[in-house]
N, C-alpha and C. Protein backbone atom coordinates (compact mmCIF):
# COMPACT_ATOMS: atom_id res chain seq x y z
N MET A 1 4.17 -40.04 -5.63
CA MET A 1 3.55 -39.40 -4.48
C MET A 1 2.10 -39.09 -4.81
N SER A 2 1.18 -39.60 -4.03
CA SER A 2 -0.23 -39.36 -4.27
C SER A 2 -0.66 -38.02 -3.65
N LYS A 3 -1.69 -37.45 -4.23
CA LYS A 3 -2.19 -36.16 -3.76
C LYS A 3 -3.15 -36.37 -2.60
N LEU A 4 -3.20 -35.39 -1.72
CA LEU A 4 -4.15 -35.43 -0.63
C LEU A 4 -5.53 -35.00 -1.14
N ALA A 5 -6.56 -35.48 -0.49
CA ALA A 5 -7.93 -35.19 -0.91
C ALA A 5 -8.22 -33.69 -0.86
N HIS A 6 -7.69 -33.00 0.13
CA HIS A 6 -7.96 -31.57 0.27
C HIS A 6 -7.17 -30.74 -0.74
N ASP A 7 -6.13 -31.34 -1.35
CA ASP A 7 -5.41 -30.65 -2.42
C ASP A 7 -6.16 -30.76 -3.75
N ILE A 8 -6.96 -31.81 -3.91
CA ILE A 8 -7.72 -32.02 -5.14
C ILE A 8 -8.99 -31.18 -5.14
N ILE A 9 -9.74 -31.20 -4.03
CA ILE A 9 -10.98 -30.41 -3.92
C ILE A 9 -10.60 -29.02 -3.42
N ILE A 10 -10.79 -28.01 -4.26
CA ILE A 10 -10.40 -26.66 -3.86
C ILE A 10 -11.53 -25.97 -3.11
N LYS A 11 -12.74 -25.95 -3.72
CA LYS A 11 -13.88 -25.32 -3.03
C LYS A 11 -15.17 -25.75 -3.71
N PRO A 12 -16.29 -25.70 -3.00
CA PRO A 12 -17.58 -25.96 -3.64
C PRO A 12 -18.02 -24.75 -4.44
N ILE A 13 -18.82 -25.00 -5.46
CA ILE A 13 -19.34 -23.91 -6.29
C ILE A 13 -20.80 -23.70 -5.90
N ILE A 14 -21.10 -22.51 -5.39
CA ILE A 14 -22.44 -22.19 -4.91
C ILE A 14 -23.06 -21.18 -5.87
N THR A 15 -23.80 -21.67 -6.85
CA THR A 15 -24.54 -20.81 -7.75
C THR A 15 -25.98 -21.31 -7.80
N GLU A 16 -26.84 -20.53 -8.40
CA GLU A 16 -28.25 -20.91 -8.48
C GLU A 16 -28.40 -22.22 -9.26
N GLU A 17 -27.68 -22.34 -10.36
CA GLU A 17 -27.78 -23.55 -11.18
C GLU A 17 -27.20 -24.78 -10.49
N SER A 18 -26.07 -24.61 -9.82
CA SER A 18 -25.47 -25.76 -9.14
C SER A 18 -26.31 -26.21 -7.94
N MET A 19 -26.99 -25.28 -7.30
CA MET A 19 -27.82 -25.65 -6.16
C MET A 19 -29.08 -26.39 -6.60
N MET A 20 -29.56 -26.15 -7.83
CA MET A 20 -30.70 -26.90 -8.33
C MET A 20 -30.33 -28.37 -8.54
N GLY A 21 -29.07 -28.65 -8.81
CA GLY A 21 -28.61 -30.02 -9.01
C GLY A 21 -28.59 -30.85 -7.74
N THR A 22 -28.59 -30.19 -6.58
CA THR A 22 -28.54 -30.94 -5.32
C THR A 22 -29.80 -31.77 -5.11
N ALA A 23 -30.90 -31.42 -5.75
CA ALA A 23 -32.13 -32.21 -5.65
C ALA A 23 -31.94 -33.58 -6.30
N PHE A 24 -31.02 -33.66 -7.27
CA PHE A 24 -30.74 -34.91 -7.98
C PHE A 24 -29.42 -35.53 -7.53
N LYS A 25 -28.92 -35.10 -6.36
CA LYS A 25 -27.65 -35.56 -5.79
C LYS A 25 -26.47 -35.27 -6.73
N LYS A 26 -26.49 -34.07 -7.33
CA LYS A 26 -25.37 -33.61 -8.15
C LYS A 26 -24.75 -32.40 -7.46
N TYR A 27 -23.47 -32.48 -7.20
CA TYR A 27 -22.75 -31.43 -6.48
C TYR A 27 -21.59 -30.94 -7.33
N THR A 28 -21.34 -29.64 -7.29
CA THR A 28 -20.33 -29.02 -8.14
C THR A 28 -19.18 -28.50 -7.30
N PHE A 29 -17.95 -28.79 -7.75
CA PHE A 29 -16.75 -28.38 -7.03
C PHE A 29 -15.72 -27.80 -7.99
N LYS A 30 -14.93 -26.86 -7.50
CA LYS A 30 -13.73 -26.43 -8.20
C LYS A 30 -12.62 -27.38 -7.76
N VAL A 31 -11.92 -27.97 -8.73
CA VAL A 31 -10.91 -28.98 -8.41
C VAL A 31 -9.57 -28.59 -9.02
N ALA A 32 -8.53 -29.31 -8.62
CA ALA A 32 -7.19 -29.06 -9.16
C ALA A 32 -7.19 -29.34 -10.66
N LYS A 33 -6.44 -28.52 -11.42
CA LYS A 33 -6.46 -28.64 -12.88
C LYS A 33 -5.85 -29.96 -13.35
N ASP A 34 -4.93 -30.54 -12.58
CA ASP A 34 -4.27 -31.77 -13.01
C ASP A 34 -4.92 -33.03 -12.44
N ALA A 35 -6.04 -32.90 -11.75
CA ALA A 35 -6.72 -34.06 -11.16
C ALA A 35 -7.57 -34.76 -12.22
N ASN A 36 -7.56 -36.10 -12.19
CA ASN A 36 -8.41 -36.85 -13.12
C ASN A 36 -9.68 -37.31 -12.40
N LYS A 37 -10.58 -37.96 -13.14
CA LYS A 37 -11.88 -38.33 -12.58
C LYS A 37 -11.74 -39.34 -11.44
N ALA A 38 -10.82 -40.27 -11.55
CA ALA A 38 -10.63 -41.28 -10.49
C ALA A 38 -10.14 -40.63 -9.21
N GLU A 39 -9.23 -39.67 -9.31
CA GLU A 39 -8.72 -38.98 -8.13
C GLU A 39 -9.82 -38.12 -7.49
N ILE A 40 -10.63 -37.47 -8.32
CA ILE A 40 -11.72 -36.64 -7.80
C ILE A 40 -12.74 -37.51 -7.07
N LYS A 41 -13.08 -38.66 -7.66
CA LYS A 41 -14.03 -39.57 -7.03
C LYS A 41 -13.51 -40.05 -5.68
N ALA A 42 -12.25 -40.45 -5.61
CA ALA A 42 -11.67 -40.93 -4.36
C ALA A 42 -11.63 -39.82 -3.31
N ALA A 43 -11.33 -38.59 -3.72
CA ALA A 43 -11.25 -37.47 -2.79
C ALA A 43 -12.63 -37.12 -2.21
N ILE A 44 -13.66 -37.09 -3.05
CA ILE A 44 -15.02 -36.78 -2.58
C ILE A 44 -15.49 -37.86 -1.61
N GLU A 45 -15.24 -39.13 -1.95
CA GLU A 45 -15.67 -40.22 -1.07
C GLU A 45 -14.94 -40.17 0.27
N GLU A 46 -13.67 -39.78 0.26
CA GLU A 46 -12.89 -39.72 1.50
C GLU A 46 -13.32 -38.54 2.38
N VAL A 47 -13.49 -37.37 1.79
CA VAL A 47 -13.77 -36.17 2.57
C VAL A 47 -15.20 -36.16 3.11
N PHE A 48 -16.18 -36.50 2.25
CA PHE A 48 -17.58 -36.37 2.64
C PHE A 48 -18.24 -37.69 3.03
N ASP A 49 -17.54 -38.81 2.93
CA ASP A 49 -18.04 -40.13 3.32
C ASP A 49 -19.34 -40.47 2.58
N VAL A 50 -19.30 -40.39 1.25
CA VAL A 50 -20.45 -40.69 0.39
C VAL A 50 -19.99 -41.67 -0.70
N LYS A 51 -20.95 -42.18 -1.47
CA LYS A 51 -20.64 -43.06 -2.61
C LYS A 51 -20.89 -42.28 -3.90
N VAL A 52 -19.87 -42.22 -4.76
CA VAL A 52 -19.96 -41.46 -5.99
C VAL A 52 -20.31 -42.40 -7.14
N ALA A 53 -21.34 -42.04 -7.93
CA ALA A 53 -21.72 -42.83 -9.09
C ALA A 53 -20.90 -42.44 -10.31
N LYS A 54 -20.79 -41.12 -10.58
CA LYS A 54 -19.99 -40.68 -11.72
C LYS A 54 -19.50 -39.25 -11.50
N VAL A 55 -18.48 -38.90 -12.29
CA VAL A 55 -17.86 -37.58 -12.21
C VAL A 55 -17.78 -37.00 -13.62
N ASN A 56 -18.31 -35.81 -13.82
CA ASN A 56 -18.16 -35.08 -15.08
C ASN A 56 -17.23 -33.90 -14.82
N THR A 57 -16.24 -33.72 -15.70
CA THR A 57 -15.30 -32.61 -15.52
C THR A 57 -15.32 -31.71 -16.74
N MET A 58 -14.94 -30.45 -16.52
CA MET A 58 -14.81 -29.51 -17.63
C MET A 58 -13.78 -28.45 -17.28
N HIS A 59 -13.08 -27.99 -18.31
CA HIS A 59 -12.13 -26.91 -18.14
C HIS A 59 -12.85 -25.60 -18.41
N CYS A 60 -12.71 -24.63 -17.51
CA CYS A 60 -13.36 -23.33 -17.65
C CYS A 60 -12.29 -22.30 -17.97
N LYS A 61 -12.45 -21.64 -19.10
CA LYS A 61 -11.50 -20.64 -19.54
C LYS A 61 -11.63 -19.38 -18.69
N GLY A 62 -10.53 -18.68 -18.49
CA GLY A 62 -10.57 -17.43 -17.76
C GLY A 62 -11.26 -16.35 -18.57
N HIS A 63 -11.90 -15.40 -17.89
CA HIS A 63 -12.61 -14.32 -18.57
C HIS A 63 -11.71 -13.11 -18.74
N LEU A 64 -11.95 -12.35 -19.80
CA LEU A 64 -11.23 -11.11 -20.03
C LEU A 64 -11.73 -10.06 -19.05
N ARG A 65 -10.83 -9.42 -18.34
CA ARG A 65 -11.18 -8.37 -17.39
C ARG A 65 -10.37 -7.13 -17.72
N ARG A 66 -11.01 -5.98 -17.60
CA ARG A 66 -10.33 -4.71 -17.87
C ARG A 66 -10.31 -3.87 -16.62
N TYR A 67 -9.23 -3.12 -16.47
CA TYR A 67 -9.12 -2.14 -15.40
C TYR A 67 -8.49 -0.91 -16.01
N GLY A 68 -9.35 0.05 -16.40
CA GLY A 68 -8.83 1.22 -17.10
C GLY A 68 -8.32 0.82 -18.47
N ARG A 69 -7.08 1.17 -18.77
CA ARG A 69 -6.53 0.81 -20.08
C ARG A 69 -5.82 -0.53 -20.06
N TYR A 70 -5.79 -1.19 -18.91
CA TYR A 70 -5.11 -2.49 -18.79
C TYR A 70 -6.14 -3.60 -18.87
N GLU A 71 -5.76 -4.68 -19.48
CA GLU A 71 -6.67 -5.83 -19.55
C GLU A 71 -5.86 -7.11 -19.43
N GLY A 72 -6.53 -8.13 -18.96
CA GLY A 72 -5.90 -9.43 -18.79
C GLY A 72 -6.98 -10.47 -18.56
N TYR A 73 -6.54 -11.71 -18.40
CA TYR A 73 -7.48 -12.81 -18.21
C TYR A 73 -7.40 -13.33 -16.78
N THR A 74 -8.57 -13.70 -16.23
CA THR A 74 -8.59 -14.38 -14.95
C THR A 74 -8.06 -15.79 -15.17
N PRO A 75 -7.61 -16.47 -14.13
CA PRO A 75 -7.03 -17.80 -14.32
C PRO A 75 -8.06 -18.82 -14.82
N SER A 76 -7.60 -19.76 -15.65
CA SER A 76 -8.43 -20.88 -16.06
C SER A 76 -8.51 -21.86 -14.90
N TRP A 77 -9.61 -22.65 -14.85
CA TRP A 77 -9.79 -23.58 -13.74
C TRP A 77 -10.58 -24.78 -14.20
N LYS A 78 -10.70 -25.78 -13.34
CA LYS A 78 -11.39 -27.01 -13.68
C LYS A 78 -12.56 -27.21 -12.74
N LYS A 79 -13.72 -27.62 -13.31
CA LYS A 79 -14.94 -27.83 -12.54
C LYS A 79 -15.33 -29.29 -12.64
N ALA A 80 -15.80 -29.84 -11.53
CA ALA A 80 -16.26 -31.23 -11.50
C ALA A 80 -17.68 -31.27 -10.96
N ILE A 81 -18.56 -31.97 -11.70
CA ILE A 81 -19.93 -32.20 -11.24
C ILE A 81 -20.00 -33.66 -10.82
N VAL A 82 -20.22 -33.88 -9.53
CA VAL A 82 -20.19 -35.21 -8.93
C VAL A 82 -21.61 -35.69 -8.70
N THR A 83 -21.96 -36.86 -9.23
CA THR A 83 -23.27 -37.46 -9.03
C THR A 83 -23.13 -38.60 -8.04
N LEU A 84 -23.95 -38.57 -6.98
CA LEU A 84 -23.90 -39.62 -5.96
C LEU A 84 -24.85 -40.76 -6.32
N THR A 85 -24.62 -41.93 -5.73
CA THR A 85 -25.50 -43.07 -5.96
C THR A 85 -26.83 -42.84 -5.25
N GLU A 86 -27.84 -43.61 -5.64
CA GLU A 86 -29.18 -43.46 -5.06
C GLU A 86 -29.19 -43.76 -3.56
N ASP A 87 -28.42 -44.77 -3.12
CA ASP A 87 -28.44 -45.16 -1.71
C ASP A 87 -27.45 -44.37 -0.86
N SER A 88 -26.71 -43.45 -1.46
CA SER A 88 -25.74 -42.66 -0.72
C SER A 88 -26.44 -41.53 0.04
N LYS A 89 -25.83 -41.13 1.16
CA LYS A 89 -26.37 -39.99 1.89
C LYS A 89 -25.96 -38.70 1.18
N THR A 90 -26.62 -37.59 1.49
CA THR A 90 -26.30 -36.32 0.85
C THR A 90 -25.10 -35.68 1.53
N ILE A 91 -24.55 -34.65 0.91
CA ILE A 91 -23.43 -33.91 1.50
C ILE A 91 -24.02 -32.83 2.40
N ASP A 92 -23.69 -32.91 3.68
CA ASP A 92 -24.30 -32.03 4.69
C ASP A 92 -24.02 -30.55 4.44
N PHE A 93 -22.84 -30.25 3.89
CA PHE A 93 -22.47 -28.85 3.65
C PHE A 93 -23.49 -28.16 2.76
N PHE A 94 -23.95 -28.82 1.69
CA PHE A 94 -24.89 -28.21 0.77
C PHE A 94 -26.31 -28.18 1.33
N ASP A 95 -26.65 -29.10 2.24
CA ASP A 95 -28.01 -29.14 2.81
C ASP A 95 -28.32 -27.88 3.60
N GLY A 96 -27.33 -27.31 4.25
CA GLY A 96 -27.55 -26.11 5.06
C GLY A 96 -27.75 -24.86 4.21
N LEU A 97 -27.46 -24.92 2.92
CA LEU A 97 -27.55 -23.75 2.06
C LEU A 97 -28.90 -23.61 1.38
N LEU A 98 -29.69 -24.64 1.39
CA LEU A 98 -30.99 -24.59 0.69
C LEU A 98 -32.05 -23.89 1.51
């Protein structure tokens, strides 16, 4: 059973550093932990109708958080930085944020 594109792409990551990458057609997303680069590439191309040149992924460890005398870790997650081809159009969602 193949995964749906919206199950792979969880949400875009909107930070100062990730928004600087949009000038070079690099977009950052939080993705499913079990998704591989080929699945992420297919999902981005399907949802946003763009051409993907490459996908870089990384696992992000959860941070230690304290609340009074209790402490625990936030969930670990996976981040994907997607680079589009030169002739591809940009992702409209990020254009409105600049």
